[in-house]
Amino acid sequence: MRKLITSGSPLEAPIGFSRACRVGNMISVSGTAPIKDGKTTCVGDVYGQTRYCLELSIQAIREAGGSPADIIRTRIMLTDISRWEEAAKAHGELFSEIRPACTFVEVSRFIDPEWLVETEVDCVLEAE
């Protein structure tokens, strides 16, 4: 079984990606940028962008039939690693009980210079 979750982005088909993809009991959420209504949200705010991206990922996971409890790994990519604690605060608010494996990394830049953060999330659904 393969289920694709769309974000509605017009770039999905030409680039060849989906917001999330579920195969069997696994769900992977693509790199999620802080885009709301076609524009960057929470400009200049690492915490706000991280929280927004993770909430979008959770929404995609739910659409794919999972829940936050199924999350096993998160990746937080930042353009300025010195601001990791702002991103960590948002991550902790959402995942302090779940405690998935998590990686914070610094990247040189994203497609849009207003993006300070992108996230990725992976899930494994428990056997039903």
N, C-alpha and C. Protein backbone atom coordinates (compact mmCIF):
# COMPACT_ATOMS: atom_id res chain seq x y z
N MET A 1 0.84 -1.18 0.00
CA MET A 1 0.00 0.00 0.00
C MET A 1 0.89 1.25 0.00
N ARG A 2 0.63 2.16 -0.89
CA ARG A 2 1.35 3.43 -0.97
C ARG A 2 0.32 4.54 -0.98
N LYS A 3 0.43 5.45 -0.01
CA LYS A 3 -0.50 6.56 0.09
C LYS A 3 0.29 7.86 0.08
N LEU A 4 -0.05 8.75 -0.83
CA LEU A 4 0.62 10.04 -0.93
C LEU A 4 -0.25 11.13 -0.33
N ILE A 5 0.35 11.97 0.47
CA ILE A 5 -0.34 13.10 1.10
C ILE A 5 0.16 14.37 0.41
N THR A 6 -0.75 15.18 -0.07
CA THR A 6 -0.38 16.39 -0.78
C THR A 6 -0.49 17.62 0.13
N SER A 7 0.36 18.59 -0.16
CA SER A 7 0.26 19.88 0.53
C SER A 7 -0.56 20.85 -0.29
N GLY A 8 -0.81 20.48 -1.55
CA GLY A 8 -1.50 21.38 -2.45
C GLY A 8 -0.55 22.29 -3.22
N SER A 9 0.74 22.15 -3.00
CA SER A 9 1.73 22.98 -3.69
C SER A 9 1.72 22.67 -5.18
N PRO A 10 1.74 23.71 -6.02
CA PRO A 10 1.82 23.46 -7.46
C PRO A 10 3.18 22.89 -7.88
N LEU A 11 4.15 22.89 -6.97
CA LEU A 11 5.47 22.36 -7.29
C LEU A 11 5.59 20.85 -7.09
N GLU A 12 4.60 20.23 -6.44
CA GLU A 12 4.70 18.80 -6.16
C GLU A 12 4.87 17.96 -7.43
N ALA A 13 4.01 18.16 -8.42
CA ALA A 13 4.10 17.33 -9.64
C ALA A 13 5.38 17.60 -10.44
N PRO A 14 5.71 18.87 -10.75
CA PRO A 14 6.92 19.07 -11.55
C PRO A 14 8.20 18.61 -10.86
N ILE A 15 8.28 18.77 -9.54
CA ILE A 15 9.47 18.34 -8.81
C ILE A 15 9.42 16.83 -8.56
N GLY A 16 8.20 16.31 -8.38
CA GLY A 16 8.02 14.88 -8.12
C GLY A 16 8.13 14.54 -6.65
N PHE A 17 7.38 15.25 -5.80
CA PHE A 17 7.40 14.95 -4.36
C PHE A 17 5.99 15.08 -3.80
N SER A 18 5.83 14.58 -2.59
CA SER A 18 4.57 14.71 -1.84
C SER A 18 4.91 15.27 -0.46
N ARG A 19 3.93 15.87 0.19
CA ARG A 19 4.13 16.35 1.57
C ARG A 19 4.57 15.18 2.43
N ALA A 20 3.89 14.03 2.25
CA ALA A 20 4.25 12.83 3.01
C ALA A 20 3.93 11.62 2.16
N CYS A 21 4.57 10.51 2.51
CA CYS A 21 4.35 9.26 1.82
C CYS A 21 4.25 8.15 2.87
N ARG A 22 3.18 7.36 2.75
CA ARG A 22 3.02 6.20 3.64
C ARG A 22 3.14 4.93 2.82
N VAL A 23 4.00 4.04 3.27
CA VAL A 23 4.12 2.72 2.69
C VAL A 23 4.03 1.74 3.84
N GLY A 24 2.98 0.93 3.83
CA GLY A 24 2.77 0.00 4.93
C GLY A 24 2.61 0.75 6.24
N ASN A 25 3.46 0.43 7.20
CA ASN A 25 3.35 1.07 8.52
C ASN A 25 4.36 2.21 8.69
N MET A 26 4.96 2.65 7.59
CA MET A 26 5.94 3.75 7.68
C MET A 26 5.41 5.01 6.99
N ILE A 27 5.64 6.15 7.63
CA ILE A 27 5.29 7.45 7.06
C ILE A 27 6.53 8.33 7.12
N SER A 28 6.86 8.94 5.99
CA SER A 28 7.93 9.93 5.95
C SER A 28 7.35 11.25 5.48
N VAL A 29 7.69 12.31 6.20
CA VAL A 29 7.23 13.64 5.86
C VAL A 29 8.41 14.39 5.24
N SER A 30 8.17 14.96 4.06
CA SER A 30 9.20 15.71 3.34
C SER A 30 9.69 16.90 4.16
N GLY A 31 10.81 17.46 3.70
CA GLY A 31 11.28 18.71 4.28
C GLY A 31 10.15 19.71 4.27
N THR A 32 9.84 20.25 5.43
CA THR A 32 8.70 21.14 5.59
C THR A 32 9.20 22.53 5.92
N ALA A 33 8.86 23.47 5.06
CA ALA A 33 9.28 24.86 5.22
C ALA A 33 8.15 25.68 5.84
N PRO A 34 8.48 26.83 6.42
CA PRO A 34 7.47 27.67 7.08
C PRO A 34 6.67 28.51 6.09
N ILE A 35 5.89 27.82 5.24
CA ILE A 35 5.10 28.49 4.22
C ILE A 35 3.62 28.42 4.60
N LYS A 36 2.98 29.56 4.66
CA LYS A 36 1.55 29.64 4.95
C LYS A 36 0.93 30.54 3.89
N ASP A 37 -0.06 30.02 3.19
CA ASP A 37 -0.74 30.78 2.14
C ASP A 37 0.26 31.33 1.12
N GLY A 38 1.27 30.54 0.79
CA GLY A 38 2.24 30.91 -0.23
C GLY A 38 3.32 31.88 0.20
N LYS A 39 3.32 32.26 1.47
CA LYS A 39 4.32 33.21 1.97
C LYS A 39 4.98 32.64 3.22
N THR A 40 6.20 33.12 3.49
CA THR A 40 6.90 32.71 4.70
C THR A 40 6.15 33.24 5.92
N THR A 41 5.94 32.36 6.89
CA THR A 41 5.30 32.77 8.13
C THR A 41 6.35 32.93 9.22
N CYS A 42 6.04 33.72 10.22
CA CYS A 42 6.92 33.92 11.38
C CYS A 42 8.31 34.39 10.95
N VAL A 43 8.37 35.37 10.06
CA VAL A 43 9.64 35.88 9.54
C VAL A 43 10.53 36.32 10.70
N GLY A 44 11.77 35.83 10.70
CA GLY A 44 12.75 36.18 11.73
C GLY A 44 12.62 35.40 13.03
N ASP A 45 11.63 34.51 13.14
CA ASP A 45 11.30 33.83 14.39
C ASP A 45 11.57 32.32 14.28
N VAL A 46 12.72 31.88 14.76
CA VAL A 46 13.09 30.46 14.69
C VAL A 46 12.08 29.60 15.43
N TYR A 47 11.70 30.01 16.63
CA TYR A 47 10.72 29.25 17.41
C TYR A 47 9.41 29.11 16.62
N GLY A 48 8.88 30.21 16.14
CA GLY A 48 7.60 30.20 15.43
C GLY A 48 7.65 29.36 14.16
N GLN A 49 8.74 29.49 13.41
CA GLN A 49 8.87 28.70 12.19
C GLN A 49 8.98 27.22 12.50
N THR A 50 9.74 26.86 13.52
CA THR A 50 9.89 25.45 13.90
C THR A 50 8.55 24.87 14.34
N ARG A 51 7.87 25.58 15.18
CA ARG A 51 6.56 25.11 15.67
C ARG A 51 5.60 24.91 14.50
N TYR A 52 5.55 25.89 13.60
CA TYR A 52 4.65 25.81 12.46
C TYR A 52 4.99 24.60 11.57
N CYS A 53 6.27 24.42 11.26
CA CYS A 53 6.69 23.29 10.42
C CYS A 53 6.33 21.95 11.06
N LEU A 54 6.58 21.81 12.34
CA LEU A 54 6.27 20.56 13.02
C LEU A 54 4.76 20.32 13.09
N GLU A 55 3.99 21.36 13.28
CA GLU A 55 2.53 21.21 13.28
C GLU A 55 2.02 20.78 11.91
N LEU A 56 2.60 21.34 10.83
CA LEU A 56 2.24 20.90 9.47
C LEU A 56 2.56 19.42 9.28
N SER A 57 3.70 19.00 9.79
CA SER A 57 4.10 17.60 9.68
C SER A 57 3.13 16.70 10.43
N ILE A 58 2.74 17.10 11.61
CA ILE A 58 1.77 16.31 12.39
C ILE A 58 0.45 16.20 11.65
N GLN A 59 0.03 17.29 11.03
CA GLN A 59 -1.21 17.27 10.23
C GLN A 59 -1.09 16.25 9.09
N ALA A 60 0.03 16.24 8.40
CA ALA A 60 0.25 15.28 7.30
C ALA A 60 0.25 13.85 7.82
N ILE A 61 0.86 13.64 8.97
CA ILE A 61 0.89 12.30 9.58
C ILE A 61 -0.52 11.83 9.90
N ARG A 62 -1.33 12.72 10.42
CA ARG A 62 -2.72 12.35 10.71
C ARG A 62 -3.47 12.01 9.43
N GLU A 63 -3.24 12.79 8.36
CA GLU A 63 -3.88 12.51 7.06
C GLU A 63 -3.46 11.15 6.52
N ALA A 64 -2.26 10.72 6.86
CA ALA A 64 -1.75 9.43 6.40
C ALA A 64 -2.18 8.28 7.30
N GLY A 65 -2.91 8.60 8.37
CA GLY A 65 -3.41 7.55 9.26
C GLY A 65 -2.59 7.32 10.51
N GLY A 66 -1.64 8.22 10.77
CA GLY A 66 -0.81 8.08 11.96
C GLY A 66 -1.17 9.10 13.02
N SER A 67 -0.34 9.12 14.06
CA SER A 67 -0.53 10.08 15.15
C SER A 67 0.84 10.53 15.63
N PRO A 68 0.91 11.60 16.40
CA PRO A 68 2.21 12.04 16.92
C PRO A 68 2.95 10.94 17.69
N ALA A 69 2.21 10.06 18.34
CA ALA A 69 2.85 8.97 19.10
C ALA A 69 3.63 8.02 18.21
N ASP A 70 3.38 8.03 16.91
CA ASP A 70 4.07 7.15 15.97
C ASP A 70 5.40 7.73 15.48
N ILE A 71 5.69 8.97 15.83
CA ILE A 71 6.91 9.63 15.36
C ILE A 71 8.13 9.01 16.02
N ILE A 72 9.09 8.60 15.19
CA ILE A 72 10.31 7.98 15.73
C ILE A 72 11.55 8.84 15.49
N ARG A 73 11.51 9.77 14.53
CA ARG A 73 12.67 10.61 14.24
C ARG A 73 12.23 11.96 13.70
N THR A 74 12.93 13.00 14.17
CA THR A 74 12.75 14.34 13.63
C THR A 74 14.11 14.89 13.26
N ARG A 75 14.12 15.75 12.25
CA ARG A 75 15.33 16.46 11.84
C ARG A 75 14.99 17.94 11.77
N ILE A 76 15.78 18.74 12.43
CA ILE A 76 15.58 20.18 12.45
C ILE A 76 16.80 20.80 11.77
N MET A 77 16.56 21.43 10.64
CA MET A 77 17.64 22.07 9.88
C MET A 77 17.52 23.58 10.06
N LEU A 78 18.62 24.19 10.47
CA LEU A 78 18.66 25.63 10.78
C LEU A 78 19.74 26.32 9.96
N THR A 79 19.48 27.56 9.57
CA THR A 79 20.52 28.33 8.88
C THR A 79 21.50 28.95 9.86
N ASP A 80 21.14 28.97 11.15
CA ASP A 80 22.03 29.51 12.19
C ASP A 80 21.93 28.61 13.41
N ILE A 81 22.87 27.69 13.55
CA ILE A 81 22.82 26.69 14.63
C ILE A 81 22.91 27.34 16.01
N SER A 82 23.42 28.56 16.09
CA SER A 82 23.49 29.23 17.40
C SER A 82 22.09 29.50 17.96
N ARG A 83 21.06 29.39 17.12
CA ARG A 83 19.68 29.61 17.56
C ARG A 83 18.95 28.30 17.83
N TRP A 84 19.69 27.20 18.02
CA TRP A 84 19.09 25.88 18.19
C TRP A 84 18.14 25.81 19.37
N GLU A 85 18.42 26.57 20.43
CA GLU A 85 17.56 26.49 21.62
C GLU A 85 16.15 27.00 21.35
N GLU A 86 16.01 27.96 20.44
CA GLU A 86 14.68 28.45 20.06
C GLU A 86 13.89 27.34 19.37
N ALA A 87 14.57 26.61 18.47
CA ALA A 87 13.93 25.49 17.78
C ALA A 87 13.65 24.35 18.77
N ALA A 88 14.60 24.12 19.67
CA ALA A 88 14.44 23.05 20.66
C ALA A 88 13.24 23.29 21.57
N LYS A 89 12.98 24.55 21.89
CA LYS A 89 11.81 24.87 22.73
C LYS A 89 10.53 24.42 22.05
N ALA A 90 10.39 24.73 20.75
CA ALA A 90 9.19 24.32 20.01
C ALA A 90 9.11 22.80 19.93
N HIS A 91 10.25 22.17 19.65
CA HIS A 91 10.28 20.71 19.56
C HIS A 91 9.87 20.09 20.89
N GLY A 92 10.41 20.60 21.97
CA GLY A 92 10.09 20.06 23.29
C GLY A 92 8.63 20.21 23.67
N GLU A 93 8.02 21.32 23.28
CA GLU A 93 6.60 21.53 23.58
C GLU A 93 5.73 20.48 22.90
N LEU A 94 6.13 20.03 21.72
CA LEU A 94 5.32 19.06 20.98
C LEU A 94 5.70 17.62 21.28
N PHE A 95 6.98 17.38 21.64
CA PHE A 95 7.46 16.00 21.70
C PHE A 95 8.08 15.59 23.03
N SER A 96 7.88 16.34 24.09
CA SER A 96 8.52 15.98 25.36
C SER A 96 8.05 14.63 25.90
N GLU A 97 6.84 14.23 25.58
CA GLU A 97 6.34 12.92 26.03
C GLU A 97 6.72 11.81 25.06
N ILE A 98 6.79 12.13 23.76
CA ILE A 98 7.06 11.13 22.73
C ILE A 98 8.56 10.83 22.64
N ARG A 99 9.36 11.87 22.71
CA ARG A 99 10.82 11.80 22.71
C ARG A 99 11.40 10.98 21.55
N PRO A 100 11.11 11.38 20.30
CA PRO A 100 11.70 10.69 19.16
C PRO A 100 13.20 10.97 19.07
N ALA A 101 13.90 10.16 18.29
CA ALA A 101 15.29 10.49 17.96
C ALA A 101 15.23 11.84 17.22
N CYS A 102 16.20 12.71 17.50
CA CYS A 102 16.15 14.06 16.94
C CYS A 102 17.55 14.53 16.60
N THR A 103 17.66 15.22 15.47
CA THR A 103 18.92 15.78 15.04
C THR A 103 18.72 17.25 14.70
N PHE A 104 19.62 18.09 15.18
CA PHE A 104 19.67 19.51 14.80
C PHE A 104 20.92 19.70 13.96
N VAL A 105 20.77 20.25 12.78
CA VAL A 105 21.92 20.50 11.90
C VAL A 105 21.85 21.90 11.33
N GLU A 106 23.02 22.44 11.00
CA GLU A 106 23.08 23.73 10.33
C GLU A 106 23.26 23.50 8.84
N VAL A 107 22.51 24.27 8.05
CA VAL A 107 22.64 24.25 6.59
C VAL A 107 23.02 25.64 6.13
N SER A 108 23.57 25.74 4.94
CA SER A 108 24.03 27.05 4.48
C SER A 108 22.88 27.97 4.11
N ARG A 109 21.82 27.40 3.53
CA ARG A 109 20.64 28.22 3.18
C ARG A 109 19.52 27.33 2.68
N PHE A 110 18.36 27.94 2.53
CA PHE A 110 17.19 27.28 1.96
C PHE A 110 16.81 28.00 0.67
N ILE A 111 15.80 27.51 -0.01
CA ILE A 111 15.33 28.11 -1.26
C ILE A 111 14.96 29.58 -1.06
N ASP A 112 14.27 29.86 0.04
CA ASP A 112 13.86 31.24 0.35
C ASP A 112 14.70 31.73 1.52
N PRO A 113 15.37 32.86 1.38
CA PRO A 113 16.22 33.35 2.48
C PRO A 113 15.47 33.71 3.76
N GLU A 114 14.14 33.85 3.71
CA GLU A 114 13.38 34.12 4.93
C GLU A 114 13.16 32.86 5.76
N TRP A 115 13.36 31.69 5.16
CA TRP A 115 13.22 30.44 5.90
C TRP A 115 14.44 30.26 6.79
N LEU A 116 14.22 30.15 8.06
CA LEU A 116 15.29 29.91 9.03
C LEU A 116 15.37 28.43 9.41
N VAL A 117 14.29 27.71 9.13
CA VAL A 117 14.13 26.32 9.58
C VAL A 117 13.42 25.51 8.51
N GLU A 118 13.79 24.25 8.40
CA GLU A 118 13.01 23.23 7.71
C GLU A 118 13.06 22.00 8.60
N THR A 119 12.01 21.19 8.55
CA THR A 119 11.96 19.99 9.37
C THR A 119 11.64 18.77 8.51
N GLU A 120 12.02 17.60 9.00
CA GLU A 120 11.62 16.31 8.43
C GLU A 120 11.18 15.42 9.59
N VAL A 121 10.22 14.54 9.30
CA VAL A 121 9.69 13.67 10.35
C VAL A 121 9.45 12.28 9.77
N ASP A 122 9.80 11.25 10.53
CA ASP A 122 9.55 9.86 10.15
C ASP A 122 8.74 9.17 11.23
N CYS A 123 7.86 8.26 10.78
CA CYS A 123 6.98 7.53 11.70
C CYS A 123 6.99 6.04 11.39
N VAL A 124 6.73 5.26 12.41
CA VAL A 124 6.43 3.85 12.26
C VAL A 124 5.16 3.61 13.07
N LEU A 125 4.12 3.16 12.38
CA LEU A 125 2.84 2.89 13.04
C LEU A 125 2.91 1.52 13.72
N GLU A 126 2.37 1.46 14.91
CA GLU A 126 2.35 0.20 15.63
C GLU A 126 1.40 -0.76 14.93
N ALA A 127 1.68 -2.05 15.04
CA ALA A 127 0.83 -3.06 14.43
C ALA A 127 -0.58 -2.95 14.98
N GLU A 128 -1.52 -3.08 14.08
CA GLU A 128 -2.93 -2.94 14.49
C GLU A 128 -3.52 -4.27 14.89
